[in-house]
C-alpha atoms as a PDB file:
ATOM      1  CA  UNK A   1       0.659 -33.355 -33.033  1.00  0.00           C
ATOM      2  CA  UNK A   2      -2.891 -32.301 -33.918  1.00  0.00           C
ATOM      3  CA  UNK A   3      -3.871 -32.408 -30.253  1.00  0.00           C
ATOM      4  CA  UNK A   4      -0.966 -30.100 -29.390  1.00  0.00           C
ATOM      5  CA  UNK A   5      -2.065 -27.607 -32.072  1.00  0.00           C
ATOM      6  CA  UNK A   6      -5.646 -27.778 -30.810  1.00  0.00           C
ATOM      7  CA  UNK A   7      -4.519 -27.210 -27.209  1.00  0.00           C
ATOM      8  CA  UNK A   8      -2.363 -24.241 -28.227  1.00  0.00           C
ATOM      9  CA  UNK A   9      -5.233 -22.760 -30.192  1.00  0.00           C
ATOM     10  CA  UNK A  10      -7.662 -23.237 -27.289  1.00  0.00           C
ATOM     11  CA  UNK A  11      -5.447 -21.685 -24.606  1.00  0.00           C
ATOM     12  CA  UNK A  12      -4.369 -18.926 -26.966  1.00  0.00           C
ATOM     13  CA  UNK A  13      -8.023 -18.108 -27.536  1.00  0.00           C
ATOM     14  CA  UNK A  14      -8.723 -17.985 -23.790  1.00  0.00           C
ATOM     15  CA  UNK A  15      -5.709 -15.720 -23.243  1.00  0.00           C
ATOM     16  CA  UNK A  16      -6.838 -13.435 -26.042  1.00  0.00           C
ATOM     17  CA  UNK A  17     -10.340 -13.280 -24.561  1.00  0.00           C
ATOM     18  CA  UNK A  18      -8.921 -12.172 -21.192  1.00  0.00           C
ATOM     19  CA  UNK A  19      -6.960  -9.412 -22.879  1.00  0.00           C
ATOM     20  CA  UNK A  20     -10.011  -8.346 -24.874  1.00  0.00           C
ATOM     21  CA  UNK A  21     -12.103  -8.171 -21.669  1.00  0.00           C
ATOM     22  CA  UNK A  22      -9.480  -5.762 -20.339  1.00  0.00           C
ATOM     23  CA  UNK A  23      -9.331  -3.675 -23.494  1.00  0.00           C
ATOM     24  CA  UNK A  24      -5.757  -4.696 -24.240  1.00  0.00           C
ATOM     25  CA  UNK A  25      -4.511  -5.720 -27.656  1.00  0.00           C
ATOM     26  CA  UNK A  26      -1.700  -8.205 -28.092  1.00  0.00           C
ATOM     27  CA  UNK A  27       0.640  -5.341 -28.988  1.00  0.00           C
ATOM     28  CA  UNK A  28      -0.163  -3.507 -25.754  1.00  0.00           C
ATOM     29  CA  UNK A  29       0.298  -6.463 -23.425  1.00  0.00           C
ATOM     30  CA  UNK A  30       4.084  -6.241 -22.945  1.00  0.00           C
ATOM     31  CA  UNK A  31       3.785  -2.554 -22.044  1.00  0.00           C
ATOM     32  CA  UNK A  32       1.146  -2.863 -19.342  1.00  0.00           C
ATOM     33  CA  UNK A  33       0.818  -6.015 -17.215  1.00  0.00           C
ATOM     34  CA  UNK A  34      -2.888  -6.874 -17.181  1.00  0.00           C
ATOM     35  CA  UNK A  35      -5.072  -6.154 -14.177  1.00  0.00           C
ATOM     36  CA  UNK A  36      -6.653  -9.172 -12.554  1.00  0.00           C
ATOM     37  CA  UNK A  37      -6.971 -11.234  -9.346  1.00  0.00           C
ATOM     38  CA  UNK A  38      -4.034 -11.237  -6.940  1.00  0.00           C
ATOM     39  CA  UNK A  39      -1.558 -14.131  -6.939  1.00  0.00           C
ATOM     40  CA  UNK A  40      -0.552 -15.828  -3.670  1.00  0.00           C
ATOM     41  CA  UNK A  41       1.795 -13.854  -1.427  1.00  0.00           C
ATOM     42  CA  UNK A  42       5.420 -14.934  -1.541  1.00  0.00           C
ATOM     43  CA  UNK A  43       7.526 -14.998   1.614  1.00  0.00           C
ATOM     44  CA  UNK A  44      11.249 -14.249   1.938  1.00  0.00           C
ATOM     45  CA  UNK A  45      13.492 -17.245   2.467  1.00  0.00           C
ATOM     46  CA  UNK A  46      15.004 -15.663   5.572  1.00  0.00           C
ATOM     47  CA  UNK A  47      11.611 -14.920   7.140  1.00  0.00           C
ATOM     48  CA  UNK A  48       9.256 -17.882   6.643  1.00  0.00           C
ATOM     49  CA  UNK A  49       5.680 -17.356   7.747  1.00  0.00           C
ATOM     50  CA  UNK A  50       4.389 -19.093  10.873  1.00  0.00           C
ATOM     51  CA  UNK A  51       1.199 -18.583  12.847  1.00  0.00           C
ATOM     52  CA  UNK A  52       3.143 -17.839  16.039  1.00  0.00           C
ATOM     53  CA  UNK A  53       5.275 -15.244  14.274  1.00  0.00           C
ATOM     54  CA  UNK A  54       2.206 -13.528  12.814  1.00  0.00           C
ATOM     55  CA  UNK A  55       0.592 -13.455  16.250  1.00  0.00           C
ATOM     56  CA  UNK A  56       3.715 -11.896  17.750  1.00  0.00           C
ATOM     57  CA  UNK A  57       3.866  -9.361  14.923  1.00  0.00           C
ATOM     58  CA  UNK A  58       0.238  -8.434  15.486  1.00  0.00           C
ATOM     59  CA  UNK A  59       0.907  -7.698  19.161  1.00  0.00           C
ATOM     60  CA  UNK A  60       3.916  -5.576  18.239  1.00  0.00           C
ATOM     61  CA  UNK A  61       1.977  -3.738  15.510  1.00  0.00           C
ATOM     62  CA  UNK A  62      -0.642  -2.551  17.998  1.00  0.00           C
ATOM     63  CA  UNK A  63       1.737  -1.930  20.917  1.00  0.00           C
ATOM     64  CA  UNK A  64       2.438   1.781  21.666  1.00  0.00           C
ATOM     65  CA  UNK A  65       5.465   0.829  23.740  1.00  0.00           C
ATOM     66  CA  UNK A  66       7.488   0.697  20.544  1.00  0.00           C
ATOM     67  CA  UNK A  67       7.447   4.510  20.619  1.00  0.00           C
ATOM     68  CA  UNK A  68       9.404   6.916  22.765  1.00  0.00           C
ATOM     69  CA  UNK A  69       6.350   8.321  24.539  1.00  0.00           C
ATOM     70  CA  UNK A  70       4.627   4.924  24.754  1.00  0.00           C
ATOM     71  CA  UNK A  71       1.444   5.987  22.997  1.00  0.00           C
ATOM     72  CA  UNK A  72       2.210   5.788  19.253  1.00  0.00           C
ATOM     73  CA  UNK A  73       1.961   2.342  17.667  1.00  0.00           C
ATOM     74  CA  UNK A  74       2.200   1.206  14.050  1.00  0.00           C
ATOM     75  CA  UNK A  75      -1.605   1.167  14.096  1.00  0.00           C
ATOM     76  CA  UNK A  76      -1.746   4.843  15.052  1.00  0.00           C
ATOM     77  CA  UNK A  77      -0.871   5.790  11.473  1.00  0.00           C
ATOM     78  CA  UNK A  78      -1.991   2.529   9.848  1.00  0.00           C
ATOM     79  CA  UNK A  79      -5.332   1.881  11.493  1.00  0.00           C
ATOM     80  CA  UNK A  80      -7.645  -0.871  10.164  1.00  0.00           C
ATOM     81  CA  UNK A  81     -10.610   1.464  10.754  1.00  0.00           C
ATOM     82  CA  UNK A  82      -9.233   3.885   8.158  1.00  0.00           C
ATOM     83  CA  UNK A  83      -8.145   1.353   5.553  1.00  0.00           C
ATOM     84  CA  UNK A  84      -4.809   0.884   7.361  1.00  0.00           C
ATOM     85  CA  UNK A  85      -4.042   4.607   7.065  1.00  0.00           C
ATOM     86  CA  UNK A  86      -4.935   7.334   9.587  1.00  0.00           C
ATOM     87  CA  UNK A  87      -7.537   9.290   7.611  1.00  0.00           C
ATOM     88  CA  UNK A  88      -5.403  12.443   7.849  1.00  0.00           C
ATOM     89  CA  UNK A  89      -3.750  14.380   5.016  1.00  0.00           C
ATOM     90  CA  UNK A  90      -0.384  13.991   6.746  1.00  0.00           C
ATOM     91  CA  UNK A  91       0.732  11.868   9.673  1.00  0.00           C
ATOM     92  CA  UNK A  92       1.158  13.232  13.183  1.00  0.00           C
ATOM     93  CA  UNK A  93       4.170  12.068  15.152  1.00  0.00           C
ATOM     94  CA  UNK A  94       7.069  12.818  17.413  1.00  0.00           C
ATOM     95  CA  UNK A  95       6.879  13.893  21.058  1.00  0.00           C
ATOM     96  CA  UNK A  96       4.635  16.865  20.236  1.00  0.00           C
ATOM     97  CA  UNK A  97       2.370  15.121  17.686  1.00  0.00           C
ATOM     98  CA  UNK A  98       3.710  17.441  15.020  1.00  0.00           C
ATOM     99  CA  UNK A  99       2.341  17.228  11.491  1.00  0.00           C
ATOM    100  CA  UNK A 100       4.681  15.467   9.113  1.00  0.00           C
ATOM    101  CA  UNK A 101       5.180  16.083   5.428  1.00  0.00           C
ATOM    102  CA  UNK A 102       3.577  12.972   3.927  1.00  0.00           C
ATOM    103  CA  UNK A 103       0.369  11.003   3.995  1.00  0.00           C
ATOM    104  CA  UNK A 104       0.471   7.620   5.751  1.00  0.00           C
ATOM    105  CA  UNK A 105       0.360   5.010   2.960  1.00  0.00           C
ATOM    106  CA  UNK A 106      -1.898   2.031   3.437  1.00  0.00           C
ATOM    107  CA  UNK A 107      -0.532  -1.317   4.624  1.00  0.00           C
ATOM    108  CA  UNK A 108      -3.186  -3.098   2.540  1.00  0.00           C
ATOM    109  CA  UNK A 109      -1.460  -5.451   0.103  1.00  0.00           C
ATOM    110  CA  UNK A 110       1.949  -3.995   0.996  1.00  0.00           C
ATOM    111  CA  UNK A 111       3.207  -7.570   0.715  1.00  0.00           C
ATOM    112  CA  UNK A 112       3.118  -7.082  -3.073  1.00  0.00           C
ATOM    113  CA  UNK A 113       5.150  -3.854  -3.066  1.00  0.00           C
ATOM    114  CA  UNK A 114       8.610  -3.917  -4.597  1.00  0.00           C
ATOM    115  CA  UNK A 115       9.502  -0.833  -2.547  1.00  0.00           C
ATOM    116  CA  UNK A 116       8.191   0.593   0.723  1.00  0.00           C
ATOM    117  CA  UNK A 117       7.512   4.247   1.649  1.00  0.00           C
ATOM    118  CA  UNK A 118       6.465   6.913  -0.857  1.00  0.00           C
ATOM    119  CA  UNK A 119      10.070   7.367  -1.963  1.00  0.00           C
ATOM    120  CA  UNK A 120      10.945   3.653  -1.968  1.00  0.00           C
ATOM    121  CA  UNK A 121      13.800   4.009   0.489  1.00  0.00           C
ATOM    122  CA  UNK A 122      13.073   0.575   1.988  1.00  0.00           C
ATOM    123  CA  UNK A 123      13.271  -2.523  -0.163  1.00  0.00           C
ATOM    124  CA  UNK A 124      11.398  -4.864   2.193  1.00  0.00           C
ATOM    125  CA  UNK A 125       8.669  -4.869   4.817  1.00  0.00           C
ATOM    126  CA  UNK A 126      11.294  -5.924   7.357  1.00  0.00           C
ATOM    127  CA  UNK A 127      13.383  -2.841   6.614  1.00  0.00           C
ATOM    128  CA  UNK A 128      10.315  -0.615   6.614  1.00  0.00           C
ATOM    129  CA  UNK A 129       9.118  -1.860  10.012  1.00  0.00           C
ATOM    130  CA  UNK A 130      12.126  -0.404  11.838  1.00  0.00           C
ATOM    131  CA  UNK A 131      12.139   2.961  10.053  1.00  0.00           C
ATOM    132  CA  UNK A 132       9.261   4.734  11.831  1.00  0.00           C
ATOM    133  CA  UNK A 133      10.410   3.505  15.255  1.00  0.00           C
ATOM    134  CA  UNK A 134      13.670   5.417  14.871  1.00  0.00           C
ATOM    135  CA  UNK A 135      12.269   8.452  13.058  1.00  0.00           C
ATOM    136  CA  UNK A 136      12.231  11.474  15.435  1.00  0.00           C
ATOM    137  CA  UNK A 137       9.142  12.791  13.650  1.00  0.00           C
ATOM    138  CA  UNK A 138       7.237   9.528  13.971  1.00  0.00           C
ATOM    139  CA  UNK A 139       7.664   7.081  16.871  1.00  0.00           C
ATOM    140  CA  UNK A 140      10.820   8.816  18.127  1.00  0.00           C
ATOM    141  CA  UNK A 141      12.502   5.874  19.838  1.00  0.00           C
ATOM    142  CA  UNK A 142      15.760   3.951  19.564  1.00  0.00           C
ATOM    143  CA  UNK A 143      15.959   0.271  18.725  1.00  0.00           C
ATOM    144  CA  UNK A 144      18.141  -0.365  21.760  1.00  0.00           C
ATOM    145  CA  UNK A 145      15.512   1.140  24.049  1.00  0.00           C
ATOM    146  CA  UNK A 146      12.669  -0.780  22.421  1.00  0.00           C
ATOM    147  CA  UNK A 147      14.589  -4.016  22.912  1.00  0.00           C
ATOM    148  CA  UNK A 148      15.227  -3.052  26.536  1.00  0.00           C
ATOM    149  CA  UNK A 149      11.561  -2.294  27.209  1.00  0.00           C
ATOM    150  CA  UNK A 150      10.234  -5.446  25.591  1.00  0.00           C
ATOM    151  CA  UNK A 151      12.891  -7.558  27.295  1.00  0.00           C
ATOM    152  CA  UNK A 152      11.340  -6.548  30.596  1.00  0.00           C
ATOM    153  CA  UNK A 153       7.975  -8.038  29.612  1.00  0.00           C
ATOM    154  CA  UNK A 154       7.912 -11.796  30.319  1.00  0.00           C
ATOM    155  CA  UNK A 155       5.402 -12.739  27.656  1.00  0.00           C
ATOM    156  CA  UNK A 156       7.395 -10.977  24.951  1.00  0.00           C
ATOM    157  CA  UNK A 157      10.550 -12.738  26.116  1.00  0.00           C
ATOM    158  CA  UNK A 158       8.718 -16.060  25.963  1.00  0.00           C
ATOM    159  CA  UNK A 159       7.211 -15.328  22.534  1.00  0.00           C
ATOM    160  CA  UNK A 160      10.541 -14.321  20.975  1.00  0.00           C
ATOM    161  CA  UNK A 161      12.153 -17.468  22.366  1.00  0.00           C
ATOM    162  CA  UNK A 162       9.401 -19.628  20.892  1.00  0.00           C
ATOM    163  CA  UNK A 163       9.383 -17.915  17.495  1.00  0.00           C
ATOM    164  CA  UNK A 164      13.057 -17.107  16.929  1.00  0.00           C
ATOM    165  CA  UNK A 165      14.907 -19.089  19.582  1.00  0.00           C
ATOM    166  CA  UNK A 166      16.436 -15.863  20.889  1.00  0.00           C
ATOM    167  CA  UNK A 167      15.684 -13.058  23.272  1.00  0.00           C
ATOM    168  CA  UNK A 168      14.038  -9.862  22.075  1.00  0.00           C
ATOM    169  CA  UNK A 169      15.995  -8.400  19.131  1.00  0.00           C
ATOM    170  CA  UNK A 170      15.467  -5.605  16.628  1.00  0.00           C
ATOM    171  CA  UNK A 171      15.747  -8.135  13.808  1.00  0.00           C
ATOM    172  CA  UNK A 172      13.025 -10.261  15.403  1.00  0.00           C
ATOM    173  CA  UNK A 173      10.776  -7.213  15.841  1.00  0.00           C
ATOM    174  CA  UNK A 174      11.156  -6.361  12.155  1.00  0.00           C
ATOM    175  CA  UNK A 175      10.511  -9.912  10.981  1.00  0.00           C
ATOM    176  CA  UNK A 176       7.459 -10.407  13.197  1.00  0.00           C
ATOM    177  CA  UNK A 177       5.803  -7.126  12.190  1.00  0.00           C
ATOM    178  CA  UNK A 178       6.525  -7.856   8.523  1.00  0.00           C
ATOM    179  CA  UNK A 179       5.011 -11.332   8.893  1.00  0.00           C
ATOM    180  CA  UNK A 180       1.824  -9.814  10.302  1.00  0.00           C
ATOM    181  CA  UNK A 181       1.661  -7.176   7.566  1.00  0.00           C
ATOM    182  CA  UNK A 182       1.892  -9.905   4.924  1.00  0.00           C
ATOM    183  CA  UNK A 183      -1.487 -11.128   6.180  1.00  0.00           C
ATOM    184  CA  UNK A 184      -3.150  -7.748   5.503  1.00  0.00           C
ATOM    185  CA  UNK A 185      -4.448  -8.789   2.106  1.00  0.00           C
ATOM    186  CA  UNK A 186      -7.696  -7.495   0.677  1.00  0.00           C
ATOM    187  CA  UNK A 187      -9.164  -9.434  -2.220  1.00  0.00           C
ATOM    188  CA  UNK A 188     -12.438 -10.843  -3.575  1.00  0.00           C
ATOM    189  CA  UNK A 189     -13.606  -7.388  -4.617  1.00  0.00           C
ATOM    190  CA  UNK A 190     -16.448  -6.984  -7.134  1.00  0.00           C
ATOM    191  CA  UNK A 191     -13.711  -6.517  -9.752  1.00  0.00           C
ATOM    192  CA  UNK A 192     -12.080  -9.824  -8.774  1.00  0.00           C
ATOM    193  CA  UNK A 193     -15.393 -11.659  -8.916  1.00  0.00           C
ATOM    194  CA  UNK A 194     -16.113 -10.174 -12.326  1.00  0.00           C
ATOM    195  CA  UNK A 195     -12.737 -11.255 -13.665  1.00  0.00           C
ATOM    196  CA  UNK A 196     -13.407 -14.747 -12.337  1.00  0.00           C
ATOM    197  CA  UNK A 197     -16.613 -15.013 -14.332  1.00  0.00           C
ATOM    198  CA  UNK A 198     -19.380 -13.317 -12.323  1.00  0.00           C
ATOM    199  CA  UNK A 199     -20.628 -10.886 -14.976  1.00  0.00           C
ATOM    200  CA  UNK A 200     -23.104  -9.363 -12.512  1.00  0.00           C
ATOM    201  CA  UNK A 201     -20.430  -8.423  -9.972  1.00  0.00           C
ATOM    202  CA  UNK A 202     -19.845  -5.045 -11.630  1.00  0.00           C
ATOM    203  CA  UNK A 203     -22.469  -2.416 -12.337  1.00  0.00           C
ATOM    204  CA  UNK A 204     -22.803  -1.133 -15.870  1.00  0.00           C
ATOM    205  CA  UNK A 205     -21.192   2.116 -14.746  1.00  0.00           C
ATOM    206  CA  UNK A 206     -18.206   0.241 -13.258  1.00  0.00           C
ATOM    207  CA  UNK A 207     -17.820  -1.781 -16.462  1.00  0.00           C
ATOM    208  CA  UNK A 208     -17.683   1.423 -18.482  1.00  0.00           C
ATOM    209  CA  UNK A 209     -15.193   2.736 -15.936  1.00  0.00           C
ATOM    210  CA  UNK A 210     -12.987  -0.325 -16.402  1.00  0.00           C
ATOM    211  CA  UNK A 211     -12.913   0.319 -20.159  1.00  0.00           C
ATOM    212  CA  UNK A 212     -11.979   3.942 -19.508  1.00  0.00           C
ATOM    213  CA  UNK A 213      -9.335   2.872 -16.982  1.00  0.00           C
ATOM    214  CA  UNK A 214      -7.575   0.859 -19.656  1.00  0.00           C
ATOM    215  CA  UNK A 215      -8.360   3.171 -22.524  1.00  0.00           C
ATOM    216  CA  UNK A 216      -9.183   6.861 -22.711  1.00  0.00           C
ATOM    217  CA  UNK A 217      -8.282   7.641 -19.086  1.00  0.00           C
ATOM    218  CA  UNK A 218      -4.890   5.899 -19.444  1.00  0.00           C
ATOM    219  CA  UNK A 219      -4.818   4.882 -15.764  1.00  0.00           C
ATOM    220  CA  UNK A 220      -3.334   1.510 -16.661  1.00  0.00           C
ATOM    221  CA  UNK A 221      -0.087   3.148 -17.741  1.00  0.00           C
ATOM    222  CA  UNK A 222       0.893   3.331 -14.065  1.00  0.00           C
ATOM    223  CA  UNK A 223      -1.822   1.415 -12.188  1.00  0.00           C
ATOM    224  CA  UNK A 224      -1.361  -1.983 -13.786  1.00  0.00           C
ATOM    225  CA  UNK A 225      -0.882  -5.585 -12.718  1.00  0.00           C
ATOM    226  CA  UNK A 226      -2.927  -7.453 -10.105  1.00  0.00           C
ATOM    227  CA  UNK A 227      -2.211  -4.878  -7.374  1.00  0.00           C
ATOM    228  CA  UNK A 228      -2.897  -1.901  -9.653  1.00  0.00           C
ATOM    229  CA  UNK A 229       0.601  -0.418  -9.415  1.00  0.00           C
ATOM    230  CA  UNK A 230       3.662  -0.512 -11.621  1.00  0.00           C
ATOM    231  CA  UNK A 231       5.862  -0.200  -8.508  1.00  0.00           C
ATOM    232  CA  UNK A 232       7.603   2.758 -10.152  1.00  0.00           C
ATOM    233  CA  UNK A 233       7.994   6.457  -9.365  1.00  0.00           C
ATOM    234  CA  UNK A 234       6.426   9.373 -11.224  1.00  0.00           C
ATOM    235  CA  UNK A 235       6.205  13.148 -10.955  1.00  0.00           C
ATOM    236  CA  UNK A 236       2.625  14.183 -11.707  1.00  0.00           C
ATOM    237  CA  UNK A 237       2.840  17.745 -10.435  1.00  0.00           C
ATOM    238  CA  UNK A 238       0.962  17.410  -7.141  1.00  0.00           C
ATOM    239  CA  UNK A 239       0.961  20.872  -5.479  1.00  0.00           C
ATOM    240  CA  UNK A 240       2.990  21.294  -2.287  1.00  0.00           C
ATOM    241  CA  UNK A 241       0.919  21.225   0.886  1.00  0.00           C
ATOM    242  CA  UNK A 242       1.580  21.025   4.601  1.00  0.00           C
ATOM    243  CA  UNK A 243       4.831  21.853   6.380  1.00  0.00           C
ATOM    244  CA  UNK A 244       7.096  20.876   3.479  1.00  0.00           C
ATOM    245  CA  UNK A 245       7.506  23.672   0.943  1.00  0.00           C
ATOM    246  CA  UNK A 246       9.231  21.237  -1.378  1.00  0.00           C
ATOM    247  CA  UNK A 247       9.471  17.447  -1.351  1.00  0.00           C
ATOM    248  CA  UNK A 248      11.922  15.928  -3.819  1.00  0.00           C
ATOM    249  CA  UNK A 249      10.604  12.401  -3.239  1.00  0.00           C
ATOM    250  CA  UNK A 250      12.542   9.619  -4.944  1.00  0.00           C
ATOM    251  CA  UNK A 251      15.423  12.002  -5.688  1.00  0.00           C
ATOM    252  CA  UNK A 252      16.420  11.930  -2.015  1.00  0.00           C
ATOM    253  CA  UNK A 253      17.077   8.203  -2.403  1.00  0.00           C
ATOM    254  CA  UNK A 254      18.702   8.012  -5.846  1.00  0.00           C
ATOM    255  CA  UNK A 255      20.101  11.544  -6.316  1.00  0.00           C
ATOM    256  CA  UNK A 256      19.076  11.252  -9.977  1.00  0.00           C
ATOM    257  CA  UNK A 257      17.695  14.486 -11.384  1.00  0.00           C
ATOM    258  CA  UNK A 258      15.029  12.547 -13.285  1.00  0.00           C
ATOM    259  CA  UNK A 259      13.572  11.436  -9.932  1.00  0.00           C
ATOM    260  CA  UNK A 260      12.953  14.922  -8.553  1.00  0.00           C
ATOM    261  CA  UNK A 261       9.389  15.156  -7.283  1.00  0.00           C
ATOM    262  CA  UNK A 262       8.653  11.529  -8.196  1.00  0.00           C
ATOM    263  CA  UNK A 263       6.683   9.310  -5.821  1.00  0.00           C
ATOM    264  CA  UNK A 264       5.680   5.658  -5.836  1.00  0.00           C
ATOM    265  CA  UNK A 265       2.531   4.629  -7.644  1.00  0.00           C
ATOM    266  CA  UNK A 266       0.148   3.495  -4.871  1.00  0.00           C
ATOM    267  CA  UNK A 267      -2.090   0.470  -5.133  1.00  0.00           C
ATOM    268  CA  UNK A 268      -5.683   1.263  -6.054  1.00  0.00           C
ATOM    269  CA  UNK A 269      -7.088  -1.712  -4.217  1.00  0.00           C
ATOM    270  CA  UNK A 270      -9.462  -0.444  -1.497  1.00  0.00           C
ATOM    271  CA  UNK A 271      -8.649   3.075  -2.677  1.00  0.00           C
ATOM    272  CA  UNK A 272     -12.144   4.282  -1.761  1.00  0.00           C
ATOM    273  CA  UNK A 273     -11.221   3.710   1.916  1.00  0.00           C
ATOM    274  CA  UNK A 274      -7.700   5.144   2.022  1.00  0.00           C
ATOM    275  CA  UNK A 275      -8.139   8.873   1.402  1.00  0.00           C
ATOM    276  CA  UNK A 276      -6.972  11.581   1.469  1.00  0.00           C
ATOM    277  CA  UNK A 277      -4.887  10.982  -1.630  1.00  0.00           C
ATOM    278  CA  UNK A 278      -1.402  11.595  -3.025  1.00  0.00           C
ATOM    279  CA  UNK A 279       1.895  11.542  -1.137  1.00  0.00           C
ATOM    280  CA  UNK A 280       0.922  14.657   0.820  1.00  0.00           C
ATOM    281  CA  UNK A 281      -2.804  14.029   1.172  1.00  0.00           C
ATOM    282  CA  UNK A 282      -3.594  17.012  -1.050  1.00  0.00           C
ATOM    283  CA  UNK A 283      -6.892  15.700  -2.444  1.00  0.00           C
ATOM    284  CA  UNK A 284      -9.691  14.715  -0.024  1.00  0.00           C
ATOM    285  CA  UNK A 285     -11.807  12.783  -2.555  1.00  0.00           C
ATOM    286  CA  UNK A 286     -11.465  10.493  -5.561  1.00  0.00           C
ATOM    287  CA  UNK A 287     -13.472  12.989  -7.595  1.00  0.00           C
ATOM    288  CA  UNK A 288     -10.780  15.620  -7.060  1.00  0.00           C
ATOM    289  CA  UNK A 289      -8.064  13.104  -7.957  1.00  0.00           C
ATOM    290  CA  UNK A 290      -9.740  12.190 -11.249  1.00  0.00           C
ATOM    291  CA  UNK A 291     -10.351  15.836 -12.109  1.00  0.00           C
ATOM    292  CA  UNK A 292      -6.684  16.572 -11.402  1.00  0.00           C
ATOM    293  CA  UNK A 293      -5.630  13.951 -13.935  1.00  0.00           C
ATOM    294  CA  UNK A 294      -8.386  15.034 -16.303  1.00  0.00           C
ATOM    295  CA  UNK A 295      -6.923  18.533 -16.336  1.00  0.00           C
ATOM    296  CA  UNK A 296      -3.429  17.278 -17.111  1.00  0.00           C
ATOM    297  CA  UNK A 297      -1.990  17.141 -13.598  1.00  0.00           C
ATOM    298  CA  UNK A 298      -0.103  19.983 -11.958  1.00  0.00           C
ATOM    299  CA  UNK A 299       2.866  22.147 -12.803  1.00  0.00           C
ATOM    300  CA  UNK A 300       6.358  20.726 -12.513  1.00  0.00           C
ATOM    301  CA  UNK A 301       9.525  21.048 -14.571  1.00  0.00           C
ATOM    302  CA  UNK A 302      10.076  17.328 -14.151  1.00  0.00           C
ATOM    303  CA  UNK A 303       6.509  16.159 -14.778  1.00  0.00           C
ATOM    304  CA  UNK A 304       6.028  12.783 -16.446  1.00  0.00           C
ATOM    305  CA  UNK A 305       5.277  12.990 -20.188  1.00  0.00           C
ATOM    306  CA  UNK A 306       2.430  10.540 -19.610  1.00  0.00           C
ATOM    307  CA  UNK A 307       0.454  13.194 -17.700  1.00  0.00           C
ATOM    308  CA  UNK A 308      -1.715  15.312 -19.992  1.00  0.00           C
ATOM    309  CA  UNK A 309      -5.334  16.396 -20.396  1.00  0.00           C
ATOM    310  CA  UNK A 310      -7.804  13.534 -20.830  1.00  0.00           C
ATOM    311  CA  UNK A 311     -11.016  15.297 -21.902  1.00  0.00           C
ATOM    312  CA  UNK A 312     -13.218  13.014 -19.793  1.00  0.00           C
ATOM    313  CA  UNK A 313     -16.884  13.964 -19.635  1.00  0.00           C
ATOM    314  CA  UNK A 314     -18.788  14.239 -16.350  1.00  0.00           C
ATOM    315  CA  UNK A 315     -20.332  10.819 -17.014  1.00  0.00           C
ATOM    316  CA  UNK A 316     -16.946   9.293 -17.706  1.00  0.00           C
ATOM    317  CA  UNK A 317     -15.476  10.732 -14.505  1.00  0.00           C
ATOM    318  CA  UNK A 318     -18.355   9.161 -12.563  1.00  0.00           C
ATOM    319  CA  UNK A 319     -17.917   5.805 -14.292  1.00  0.00           C
ATOM    320  CA  UNK A 320     -14.195   5.769 -13.561  1.00  0.00           C
ATOM    321  CA  UNK A 321     -14.845   6.413  -9.882  1.00  0.00           C
ATOM    322  CA  UNK A 322     -17.420   3.622  -9.789  1.00  0.00           C
ATOM    323  CA  UNK A 323     -14.818   1.222 -11.134  1.00  0.00           C
ATOM    324  CA  UNK A 324     -12.312   2.267  -8.480  1.00  0.00           C
ATOM    325  CA  UNK A 325     -14.953   1.721  -5.804  1.00  0.00           C
ATOM    326  CA  UNK A 326     -15.370  -1.807  -7.185  1.00  0.00           C
ATOM    327  CA  UNK A 327     -11.746  -2.504  -6.201  1.00  0.00           C
ATOM    328  CA  UNK A 328     -12.736  -2.607  -2.516  1.00  0.00           C
ATOM    329  CA  UNK A 329     -12.084  -6.118  -1.267  1.00  0.00           C
ATOM    330  CA  UNK A 330     -13.207  -8.000   1.802  1.00  0.00           C
ATOM    331  CA  UNK A 331     -12.012  -6.643   5.117  1.00  0.00           C
ATOM    332  CA  UNK A 332      -9.444  -8.579   7.078  1.00  0.00           C
ATOM    333  CA  UNK A 333     -10.807  -9.309  10.552  1.00  0.00           C
ATOM    334  CA  UNK A 334      -8.260  -8.557  13.238  1.00  0.00           C
ATOM    335  CA  UNK A 335      -8.729  -9.239  16.939  1.00  0.00           C
ATOM    336  CA  UNK A 336      -6.172  -8.267  19.520  1.00  0.00           C
ATOM    337  CA  UNK A 337      -5.758  -7.335  23.135  1.00  0.00           C
ATOM    338  CA  UNK A 338      -4.903  -3.673  23.503  1.00  0.00           C
ATOM    339  CA  UNK A 339      -1.648  -2.968  25.319  1.00  0.00           C
ATOM    340  CA  UNK A 340      -1.507  -0.476  28.199  1.00  0.00           C
ATOM    341  CA  UNK A 341      -0.572   3.030  27.087  1.00  0.00           C
ATOM    342  CA  UNK A 342       2.085   3.586  29.753  1.00  0.00           C
ATOM    343  CA  UNK A 343       5.338   1.842  30.542  1.00  0.00           C
ATOM    344  CA  UNK A 344       6.648   0.646  32.944  1.00  0.00           C
ATOM    345  CA  UNK A 345       3.243   0.808  34.656  1.00  0.00           C
ATOM    346  CA  UNK A 346       2.202  -2.482  33.060  1.00  0.00           C
ATOM    347  CA  UNK A 347       1.110  -5.735  34.642  1.00  0.00           C
ATOM    348  CA  UNK A 348       2.956  -8.963  34.099  1.00  0.00           C
ATOM    349  CA  UNK A 349       2.485 -10.176  30.552  1.00  0.00           C
ATOM    350  CA  UNK A 350       1.456  -8.185  27.488  1.00  0.00           C
END
């Protein structure tokens, strides 16, 4: 019995120390899941991960033949070079490369998302994978035509047979792309190393920024948990920009008035590489983002009550940005063979 009490006391002390390192009291813990290293990725029961499936998904992800004009691929808007975004305020798509209304969200750590897209209209990566293909303002293609095109490519036919035991199908396309995207995990950032015991992994400025993140700056209210997102939707008053004069965000999915102008909290992992920022790419830099929050956000009748002035000093703004830069993890190395940009002028094989 004494050993049990000792063990409970020991592990309770360790747990308390972790919370103290993060500036969280025991009373705060239930409100805000603590930030920390990422857990292992979980895979859906109906789409188990295999190396062959990931390899097929990678080919599909980079193949422009999934689009109507045969030159827009998933990687066009979610390019590894730009932190799996496109580096633009708003995505370009459709037959005329017309500017869309929203910024391309990063694929980095999307495996941990509870919802996909800025408005959360897709519940899974599988569902998300087929959305842009059919969107007339994005890849502007039909699933039937994609299946027809890929069915005329022997190596795709062979790969689908080996992976799924079927011919080319829309369901197989979705599952393969989702399997590949679940490998786009960035971890082992300076923050992760610090939380695992390397006290020199963070600069003094970043350490002060981490305290601010969980304290005065109140970032942890929405950017919490291992992936730095609460997977919820908030209206913070981001000004309208681009072709959309008004974007109702989550409201278009739920039709709840409380969701008007609310958008999903993005992950902050590798945030230094995924600008511009916000659902419409309104802010080019992290400095502008922090100053926006510092000033109490923007104007909106439905703005979250959690958004208010923060009174951060210039030094504190800089420290907070240094902490966010310390969330940049190791790059995932991806090698692939580029697919021809025209169809059907393609050789046998991929």
